[in-house]
Amino acid sequence: RRDYEVTIPLELLASRQRTQRVFNLVLPVIAGISLLVGGIGILNIMLASITERTREIGIRRALGATQTDITIQFLIETVTLSVVGGLLGIALGVAGVAALEAFTNWKPVITQGAVTLSMGISCLTGIVFGIYPARRAALMDPITALRHD
């Protein structure tokens, strides 16, 4: 019967490094999937918005708005939507760090670079997933859009 255990610090260090490598691989994959799902959500919301606002788009086009004007309008809306989502994500991240500090002995640090990078990625996601709906709105025929009910 063994009632003792011998641990060598090098074994603990190697185990910790293996665990860290797993986290370094899994967390970016999870983040990528989350961005993809969020982007698809933005795409769907904007497509629904364009369908509901077809008449508005037709009126704007009939009054002289260019395709670029319509594209920029919807891209601004998409980026605004993604910035709000990014700010909510940052707020949840700060709350998560506070909870982590409260319940563990860990002292995680939130850097300005991480916050800036996350907002940049959020804006980029909004632009990438907003281009298709914005171009679809801009390419509508004004006469057909005005007839839409």
N, C-alpha and C. Protein backbone atom coordinates (compact mmCIF):
# COMPACT_ATOMS: atom_id res chain seq x y z
N ARG A 1 0.84 -1.18 0.00
CA ARG A 1 0.00 0.00 0.00
C ARG A 1 0.88 1.25 0.00
N ARG A 2 0.56 2.19 -0.95
CA ARG A 2 1.36 3.42 -1.02
C ARG A 2 0.64 4.53 -0.26
N ASP A 3 1.31 5.10 0.69
CA ASP A 3 0.73 6.22 1.42
C ASP A 3 1.56 7.49 1.25
N TYR A 4 2.37 7.50 0.22
CA TYR A 4 3.16 8.69 -0.07
C TYR A 4 3.25 8.86 -1.58
N GLU A 5 3.63 10.05 -1.99
CA GLU A 5 3.77 10.34 -3.42
C GLU A 5 4.95 11.27 -3.61
N VAL A 6 5.75 10.98 -4.60
CA VAL A 6 6.91 11.81 -4.91
C VAL A 6 6.61 12.57 -6.20
N THR A 7 6.70 13.87 -6.11
CA THR A 7 6.50 14.69 -7.32
C THR A 7 7.76 15.48 -7.59
N ILE A 8 8.06 15.58 -8.83
CA ILE A 8 9.23 16.33 -9.26
C ILE A 8 8.74 17.59 -9.95
N PRO A 9 9.25 18.75 -9.59
CA PRO A 9 8.77 19.99 -10.20
C PRO A 9 8.83 19.99 -11.73
N LEU A 10 9.79 19.28 -12.30
CA LEU A 10 9.87 19.24 -13.76
C LEU A 10 8.66 18.53 -14.37
N GLU A 11 8.14 17.50 -13.69
CA GLU A 11 6.95 16.81 -14.17
C GLU A 11 5.73 17.73 -14.10
N LEU A 12 5.62 18.49 -13.02
CA LEU A 12 4.52 19.43 -12.90
C LEU A 12 4.60 20.51 -13.97
N LEU A 13 5.79 20.98 -14.24
CA LEU A 13 5.98 21.99 -15.27
C LEU A 13 5.62 21.45 -16.64
N ALA A 14 6.03 20.22 -16.94
CA ALA A 14 5.70 19.61 -18.23
C ALA A 14 4.19 19.40 -18.37
N SER A 15 3.54 19.00 -17.30
CA SER A 15 2.09 18.81 -17.32
C SER A 15 1.39 20.15 -17.55
N ARG A 16 1.85 21.17 -16.89
CA ARG A 16 1.25 22.51 -17.07
C ARG A 16 1.46 23.00 -18.49
N GLN A 17 2.59 22.77 -19.08
CA GLN A 17 2.86 23.19 -20.46
C GLN A 17 1.97 22.45 -21.45
N ARG A 18 1.74 21.15 -21.22
CA ARG A 18 0.83 20.39 -22.09
C ARG A 18 -0.59 20.97 -22.01
N THR A 19 -1.03 21.25 -20.81
CA THR A 19 -2.36 21.83 -20.62
C THR A 19 -2.45 23.19 -21.30
N GLN A 20 -1.41 23.99 -21.18
CA GLN A 20 -1.40 25.31 -21.81
C GLN A 20 -1.46 25.20 -23.33
N ARG A 21 -0.77 24.23 -23.91
CA ARG A 21 -0.80 24.02 -25.36
C ARG A 21 -2.22 23.67 -25.83
N VAL A 22 -2.91 22.84 -25.05
CA VAL A 22 -4.29 22.48 -25.39
C VAL A 22 -5.17 23.73 -25.38
N PHE A 23 -5.04 24.55 -24.34
CA PHE A 23 -5.82 25.79 -24.27
C PHE A 23 -5.47 26.71 -25.43
N ASN A 24 -4.20 26.79 -25.79
CA ASN A 24 -3.78 27.66 -26.89
C ASN A 24 -4.35 27.21 -28.23
N LEU A 25 -4.69 25.95 -28.37
CA LEU A 25 -5.29 25.46 -29.60
C LEU A 25 -6.81 25.54 -29.58
N VAL A 26 -7.40 25.19 -28.45
CA VAL A 26 -8.86 25.10 -28.36
C VAL A 26 -9.53 26.47 -28.29
N LEU A 27 -8.98 27.39 -27.53
CA LEU A 27 -9.63 28.69 -27.35
C LEU A 27 -9.75 29.49 -28.65
N PRO A 28 -8.73 29.57 -29.51
CA PRO A 28 -8.93 30.27 -30.78
C PRO A 28 -9.97 29.60 -31.68
N VAL A 29 -10.06 28.28 -31.63
CA VAL A 29 -11.08 27.59 -32.43
C VAL A 29 -12.47 27.97 -31.93
N ILE A 30 -12.66 27.98 -30.63
CA ILE A 30 -13.94 28.37 -30.05
C ILE A 30 -14.26 29.82 -30.40
N ALA A 31 -13.27 30.69 -30.32
CA ALA A 31 -13.48 32.10 -30.66
C ALA A 31 -13.85 32.24 -32.13
N GLY A 32 -13.20 31.49 -33.00
CA GLY A 32 -13.51 31.54 -34.43
C GLY A 32 -14.92 31.08 -34.72
N ILE A 33 -15.34 30.02 -34.07
CA ILE A 33 -16.71 29.53 -34.26
C ILE A 33 -17.71 30.57 -33.75
N SER A 34 -17.41 31.19 -32.63
CA SER A 34 -18.29 32.24 -32.10
C SER A 34 -18.39 33.41 -33.06
N LEU A 35 -17.26 33.82 -33.65
CA LEU A 35 -17.29 34.91 -34.63
C LEU A 35 -18.11 34.53 -35.85
N LEU A 36 -17.97 33.31 -36.30
CA LEU A 36 -18.72 32.85 -37.46
C LEU A 36 -20.23 32.87 -37.17
N VAL A 37 -20.62 32.37 -36.02
CA VAL A 37 -22.03 32.35 -35.64
C VAL A 37 -22.56 33.78 -35.49
N GLY A 38 -21.78 34.64 -34.85
CA GLY A 38 -22.18 36.03 -34.71
C GLY A 38 -22.29 36.73 -36.06
N GLY A 39 -21.34 36.45 -36.94
CA GLY A 39 -21.38 37.04 -38.27
C GLY A 39 -22.59 36.60 -39.07
N ILE A 40 -22.94 35.33 -38.97
CA ILE A 40 -24.12 34.83 -39.66
C ILE A 40 -25.38 35.47 -39.08
N GLY A 41 -25.39 35.69 -37.77
CA GLY A 41 -26.51 36.39 -37.14
C GLY A 41 -26.64 37.82 -37.67
N ILE A 42 -25.53 38.52 -37.79
CA ILE A 42 -25.54 39.87 -38.34
C ILE A 42 -26.05 39.85 -39.78
N LEU A 43 -25.57 38.90 -40.56
CA LEU A 43 -25.99 38.76 -41.95
C LEU A 43 -27.50 38.58 -42.04
N ASN A 44 -28.05 37.69 -41.23
CA ASN A 44 -29.49 37.44 -41.24
C ASN A 44 -30.30 38.66 -40.81
N ILE A 45 -29.84 39.34 -39.77
CA ILE A 45 -30.53 40.54 -39.29
C ILE A 45 -30.55 41.61 -40.37
N MET A 46 -29.43 41.79 -41.05
CA MET A 46 -29.36 42.83 -42.08
C MET A 46 -30.20 42.45 -43.30
N LEU A 47 -30.20 41.19 -43.67
CA LEU A 47 -31.05 40.78 -44.79
C LEU A 47 -32.53 41.00 -44.48
N ALA A 48 -32.92 40.69 -43.26
CA ALA A 48 -34.31 40.93 -42.85
C ALA A 48 -34.62 42.43 -42.83
N SER A 49 -33.68 43.22 -42.37
CA SER A 49 -33.86 44.67 -42.34
C SER A 49 -34.02 45.24 -43.74
N ILE A 50 -33.23 44.74 -44.66
CA ILE A 50 -33.31 45.21 -46.04
C ILE A 50 -34.65 44.82 -46.66
N THR A 51 -35.12 43.62 -46.38
CA THR A 51 -36.41 43.18 -46.90
C THR A 51 -37.53 44.07 -46.37
N GLU A 52 -37.48 44.43 -45.08
CA GLU A 52 -38.49 45.28 -44.48
C GLU A 52 -38.41 46.72 -45.00
N ARG A 53 -37.23 47.14 -45.40
CA ARG A 53 -37.02 48.54 -45.79
C ARG A 53 -36.86 48.70 -47.30
N THR A 54 -37.37 47.77 -48.07
CA THR A 54 -37.23 47.82 -49.52
C THR A 54 -37.82 49.11 -50.08
N ARG A 55 -38.96 49.48 -49.59
CA ARG A 55 -39.62 50.71 -50.08
C ARG A 55 -38.75 51.94 -49.77
N GLU A 56 -38.20 52.00 -48.57
CA GLU A 56 -37.31 53.12 -48.19
C GLU A 56 -36.11 53.20 -49.13
N ILE A 57 -35.55 52.04 -49.43
CA ILE A 57 -34.40 52.01 -50.33
C ILE A 57 -34.81 52.52 -51.71
N GLY A 58 -35.98 52.11 -52.19
CA GLY A 58 -36.48 52.57 -53.48
C GLY A 58 -36.67 54.08 -53.50
N ILE A 59 -37.23 54.63 -52.43
CA ILE A 59 -37.44 56.07 -52.36
C ILE A 59 -36.11 56.81 -52.37
N ARG A 60 -35.16 56.33 -51.58
CA ARG A 60 -33.84 56.97 -51.55
C ARG A 60 -33.18 56.93 -52.92
N ARG A 61 -33.27 55.77 -53.58
CA ARG A 61 -32.67 55.65 -54.93
C ARG A 61 -33.38 56.57 -55.92
N ALA A 62 -34.71 56.66 -55.83
CA ALA A 62 -35.48 57.50 -56.74
C ALA A 62 -35.16 58.99 -56.53
N LEU A 63 -34.80 59.35 -55.29
CA LEU A 63 -34.47 60.74 -54.99
C LEU A 63 -33.01 61.08 -55.27
N GLY A 64 -32.24 60.10 -55.76
CA GLY A 64 -30.89 60.41 -56.19
C GLY A 64 -29.76 59.77 -55.40
N ALA A 65 -30.07 58.95 -54.42
CA ALA A 65 -29.01 58.27 -53.69
C ALA A 65 -28.30 57.27 -54.61
N THR A 66 -27.00 57.25 -54.56
CA THR A 66 -26.23 56.33 -55.40
C THR A 66 -26.13 54.97 -54.73
N GLN A 67 -25.66 54.01 -55.49
CA GLN A 67 -25.45 52.67 -54.92
C GLN A 67 -24.43 52.74 -53.78
N THR A 68 -23.43 53.59 -53.93
CA THR A 68 -22.42 53.75 -52.87
C THR A 68 -23.07 54.30 -51.60
N ASP A 69 -23.99 55.26 -51.73
CA ASP A 69 -24.68 55.81 -50.56
C ASP A 69 -25.45 54.73 -49.80
N ILE A 70 -26.16 53.89 -50.53
CA ILE A 70 -26.94 52.81 -49.91
C ILE A 70 -26.00 51.80 -49.26
N THR A 71 -24.93 51.46 -49.96
CA THR A 71 -23.96 50.50 -49.40
C THR A 71 -23.37 51.03 -48.10
N ILE A 72 -22.95 52.29 -48.11
CA ILE A 72 -22.35 52.88 -46.91
C ILE A 72 -23.36 52.94 -45.77
N GLN A 73 -24.61 53.29 -46.08
CA GLN A 73 -25.64 53.34 -45.04
C GLN A 73 -25.77 52.00 -44.33
N PHE A 74 -25.87 50.92 -45.10
CA PHE A 74 -26.07 49.62 -44.48
C PHE A 74 -24.79 49.09 -43.83
N LEU A 75 -23.63 49.45 -44.35
CA LEU A 75 -22.39 49.05 -43.69
C LEU A 75 -22.24 49.77 -42.35
N ILE A 76 -22.64 51.03 -42.29
CA ILE A 76 -22.59 51.75 -41.01
C ILE A 76 -23.52 51.09 -40.00
N GLU A 77 -24.71 50.70 -40.44
CA GLU A 77 -25.63 50.01 -39.54
C GLU A 77 -25.05 48.69 -39.06
N THR A 78 -24.42 47.97 -39.97
CA THR A 78 -23.84 46.68 -39.60
C THR A 78 -22.69 46.85 -38.62
N VAL A 79 -21.82 47.82 -38.87
CA VAL A 79 -20.69 48.05 -37.97
C VAL A 79 -21.19 48.53 -36.62
N THR A 80 -22.23 49.36 -36.61
CA THR A 80 -22.81 49.80 -35.33
C THR A 80 -23.32 48.60 -34.54
N LEU A 81 -23.99 47.70 -35.22
CA LEU A 81 -24.51 46.49 -34.57
C LEU A 81 -23.36 45.65 -34.01
N SER A 82 -22.29 45.51 -34.77
CA SER A 82 -21.17 44.69 -34.30
C SER A 82 -20.37 45.39 -33.19
N VAL A 83 -20.31 46.73 -33.21
CA VAL A 83 -19.63 47.46 -32.13
C VAL A 83 -20.39 47.29 -30.82
N VAL A 84 -21.72 47.36 -30.89
CA VAL A 84 -22.52 47.15 -29.67
C VAL A 84 -22.28 45.74 -29.14
N GLY A 85 -22.25 44.76 -30.05
CA GLY A 85 -21.94 43.38 -29.63
C GLY A 85 -20.54 43.27 -29.04
N GLY A 86 -19.58 43.98 -29.63
CA GLY A 86 -18.21 43.97 -29.11
C GLY A 86 -18.12 44.59 -27.72
N LEU A 87 -18.84 45.68 -27.52
CA LEU A 87 -18.85 46.32 -26.19
C LEU A 87 -19.49 45.41 -25.15
N LEU A 88 -20.57 44.73 -25.54
CA LEU A 88 -21.18 43.77 -24.60
C LEU A 88 -20.22 42.62 -24.30
N GLY A 89 -19.49 42.16 -25.31
CA GLY A 89 -18.50 41.11 -25.10
C GLY A 89 -17.39 41.55 -24.16
N ILE A 90 -16.93 42.78 -24.32
CA ILE A 90 -15.89 43.30 -23.42
C ILE A 90 -16.42 43.40 -22.00
N ALA A 91 -17.66 43.88 -21.86
CA ALA A 91 -18.26 43.97 -20.51
C ALA A 91 -18.37 42.60 -19.87
N LEU A 92 -18.80 41.60 -20.65
CA LEU A 92 -18.88 40.24 -20.11
C LEU A 92 -17.49 39.70 -19.77
N GLY A 93 -16.51 40.04 -20.58
CA GLY A 93 -15.13 39.61 -20.29
C GLY A 93 -14.61 40.21 -19.01
N VAL A 94 -14.86 41.50 -18.78
CA VAL A 94 -14.44 42.15 -17.55
C VAL A 94 -15.15 41.53 -16.35
N ALA A 95 -16.45 41.25 -16.50
CA ALA A 95 -17.19 40.60 -15.41
C ALA A 95 -16.65 39.19 -15.15
N GLY A 96 -16.31 38.48 -16.22
CA GLY A 96 -15.74 37.15 -16.07
C GLY A 96 -14.41 37.17 -15.35
N VAL A 97 -13.58 38.15 -15.67
CA VAL A 97 -12.28 38.28 -14.99
C VAL A 97 -12.49 38.60 -13.52
N ALA A 98 -13.45 39.46 -13.22
CA ALA A 98 -13.74 39.77 -11.82
C ALA A 98 -14.21 38.53 -11.06
N ALA A 99 -15.07 37.74 -11.70
CA ALA A 99 -15.54 36.51 -11.07
C ALA A 99 -14.40 35.52 -10.89
N LEU A 100 -13.52 35.43 -11.87
CA LEU A 100 -12.38 34.52 -11.79
C LEU A 100 -11.47 34.91 -10.64
N GLU A 101 -11.24 36.21 -10.48
CA GLU A 101 -10.40 36.67 -9.37
C GLU A 101 -11.06 36.40 -8.01
N ALA A 102 -12.38 36.53 -7.98
CA ALA A 102 -13.09 36.35 -6.72
C ALA A 102 -13.10 34.89 -6.25
N PHE A 103 -13.14 33.95 -7.20
CA PHE A 103 -13.30 32.55 -6.83
C PHE A 103 -12.02 31.72 -6.93
N THR A 104 -10.95 32.30 -7.45
CA THR A 104 -9.69 31.57 -7.55
C THR A 104 -8.55 32.44 -7.05
N ASN A 105 -7.38 31.89 -7.05
CA ASN A 105 -6.19 32.64 -6.66
C ASN A 105 -5.51 33.28 -7.87
N TRP A 106 -6.13 33.18 -9.02
CA TRP A 106 -5.53 33.72 -10.24
C TRP A 106 -5.67 35.24 -10.26
N LYS A 107 -4.72 35.88 -10.93
CA LYS A 107 -4.75 37.33 -11.10
C LYS A 107 -4.65 37.65 -12.60
N PRO A 108 -5.75 37.43 -13.35
CA PRO A 108 -5.70 37.73 -14.78
C PRO A 108 -5.61 39.23 -15.02
N VAL A 109 -5.05 39.59 -16.17
CA VAL A 109 -4.85 40.99 -16.51
C VAL A 109 -5.54 41.27 -17.85
N ILE A 110 -6.29 42.35 -17.91
CA ILE A 110 -6.90 42.80 -19.16
C ILE A 110 -6.04 43.94 -19.69
N THR A 111 -5.46 43.74 -20.86
CA THR A 111 -4.61 44.77 -21.43
C THR A 111 -5.38 45.62 -22.43
N GLN A 112 -4.91 46.83 -22.63
CA GLN A 112 -5.54 47.73 -23.60
C GLN A 112 -5.43 47.14 -25.00
N GLY A 113 -4.33 46.46 -25.29
CA GLY A 113 -4.16 45.83 -26.60
C GLY A 113 -5.21 44.76 -26.87
N ALA A 114 -5.54 43.99 -25.85
CA ALA A 114 -6.55 42.94 -26.01
C ALA A 114 -7.93 43.55 -26.27
N VAL A 115 -8.25 44.62 -25.57
CA VAL A 115 -9.54 45.29 -25.77
C VAL A 115 -9.59 45.90 -27.17
N THR A 116 -8.51 46.55 -27.58
CA THR A 116 -8.46 47.16 -28.91
C THR A 116 -8.56 46.10 -30.00
N LEU A 117 -7.85 45.01 -29.83
CA LEU A 117 -7.90 43.92 -30.81
C LEU A 117 -9.31 43.33 -30.91
N SER A 118 -9.96 43.14 -29.77
CA SER A 118 -11.30 42.56 -29.80
C SER A 118 -12.29 43.51 -30.48
N MET A 119 -12.17 44.81 -30.25
CA MET A 119 -13.06 45.76 -30.93
C MET A 119 -12.76 45.80 -32.43
N GLY A 120 -11.50 45.70 -32.79
CA GLY A 120 -11.13 45.66 -34.21
C GLY A 120 -11.70 44.44 -34.91
N ILE A 121 -11.59 43.29 -34.26
CA ILE A 121 -12.13 42.06 -34.83
C ILE A 121 -13.65 42.14 -34.92
N SER A 122 -14.28 42.74 -33.93
CA SER A 122 -15.73 42.91 -33.96
C SER A 122 -16.15 43.79 -35.15
N CYS A 123 -15.46 44.89 -35.35
CA CYS A 123 -15.76 45.77 -36.49
C CYS A 123 -15.50 45.06 -37.81
N LEU A 124 -14.41 44.34 -37.90
CA LEU A 124 -14.08 43.61 -39.12
C LEU A 124 -15.14 42.55 -39.43
N THR A 125 -15.62 41.88 -38.40
CA THR A 125 -16.69 40.90 -38.58
C THR A 125 -17.95 41.57 -39.12
N GLY A 126 -18.28 42.73 -38.58
CA GLY A 126 -19.43 43.47 -39.08
C GLY A 126 -19.28 43.86 -40.54
N ILE A 127 -18.10 44.30 -40.93
CA ILE A 127 -17.87 44.69 -42.31
C ILE A 127 -17.93 43.48 -43.24
N VAL A 128 -17.25 42.41 -42.87
CA VAL A 128 -17.20 41.22 -43.73
C VAL A 128 -18.59 40.64 -43.95
N PHE A 129 -19.36 40.51 -42.87
CA PHE A 129 -20.68 39.91 -42.99
C PHE A 129 -21.75 40.92 -43.40
N GLY A 130 -21.41 42.20 -43.47
CA GLY A 130 -22.36 43.21 -43.89
C GLY A 130 -22.24 43.61 -45.35
N ILE A 131 -21.16 43.19 -46.01
CA ILE A 131 -20.95 43.59 -47.40
C ILE A 131 -22.04 43.02 -48.30
N TYR A 132 -22.35 41.74 -48.16
CA TYR A 132 -23.36 41.13 -49.02
C TYR A 132 -24.73 41.79 -48.89
N PRO A 133 -25.27 41.96 -47.66
CA PRO A 133 -26.58 42.63 -47.56
C PRO A 133 -26.54 44.07 -48.08
N ALA A 134 -25.46 44.78 -47.81
CA ALA A 134 -25.37 46.17 -48.25
C ALA A 134 -25.35 46.26 -49.77
N ARG A 135 -24.59 45.39 -50.41
CA ARG A 135 -24.54 45.40 -51.89
C ARG A 135 -25.88 44.96 -52.47
N ARG A 136 -26.53 44.01 -51.81
CA ARG A 136 -27.84 43.55 -52.28
C ARG A 136 -28.85 44.70 -52.23
N ALA A 137 -28.79 45.50 -51.17
CA ALA A 137 -29.68 46.66 -51.06
C ALA A 137 -29.34 47.69 -52.12
N ALA A 138 -28.06 47.92 -52.33
CA ALA A 138 -27.63 48.95 -53.28
C ALA A 138 -27.98 48.58 -54.72
N LEU A 139 -28.02 47.31 -55.04
CA LEU A 139 -28.27 46.87 -56.41
C LEU A 139 -29.75 46.72 -56.74
N MET A 140 -30.62 47.04 -55.77
CA MET A 140 -32.06 46.95 -56.03
C MET A 140 -32.45 47.96 -57.10
N ASP A 141 -33.37 47.55 -57.95
CA ASP A 141 -33.93 48.45 -58.95
C ASP A 141 -34.91 49.39 -58.24
N PRO A 142 -34.74 50.70 -58.37
CA PRO A 142 -35.62 51.64 -57.64
C PRO A 142 -37.10 51.45 -57.96
N ILE A 143 -37.43 51.20 -59.20
CA ILE A 143 -38.84 51.06 -59.58
C ILE A 143 -39.44 49.82 -58.94
N THR A 144 -38.72 48.70 -59.00
CA THR A 144 -39.19 47.47 -58.36
C THR A 144 -39.31 47.64 -56.86
N ALA A 145 -38.35 48.34 -56.27
CA ALA A 145 -38.37 48.57 -54.81
C ALA A 145 -39.56 49.44 -54.41
N LEU A 146 -39.91 50.42 -55.25
CA LEU A 146 -41.06 51.28 -54.92
C LEU A 146 -42.38 50.52 -55.03
N ARG A 147 -42.45 49.52 -55.86
CA ARG A 147 -43.67 48.72 -56.00
C ARG A 147 -43.83 47.71 -54.88
N HIS A 148 -42.76 47.45 -54.14
CA HIS A 148 -42.79 46.43 -53.08
C HIS A 148 -43.74 46.85 -51.96
N ASP A 149 -44.53 45.91 -51.45
CA ASP A 149 -45.45 46.20 -50.34
C ASP A 149 -44.89 45.73 -49.06
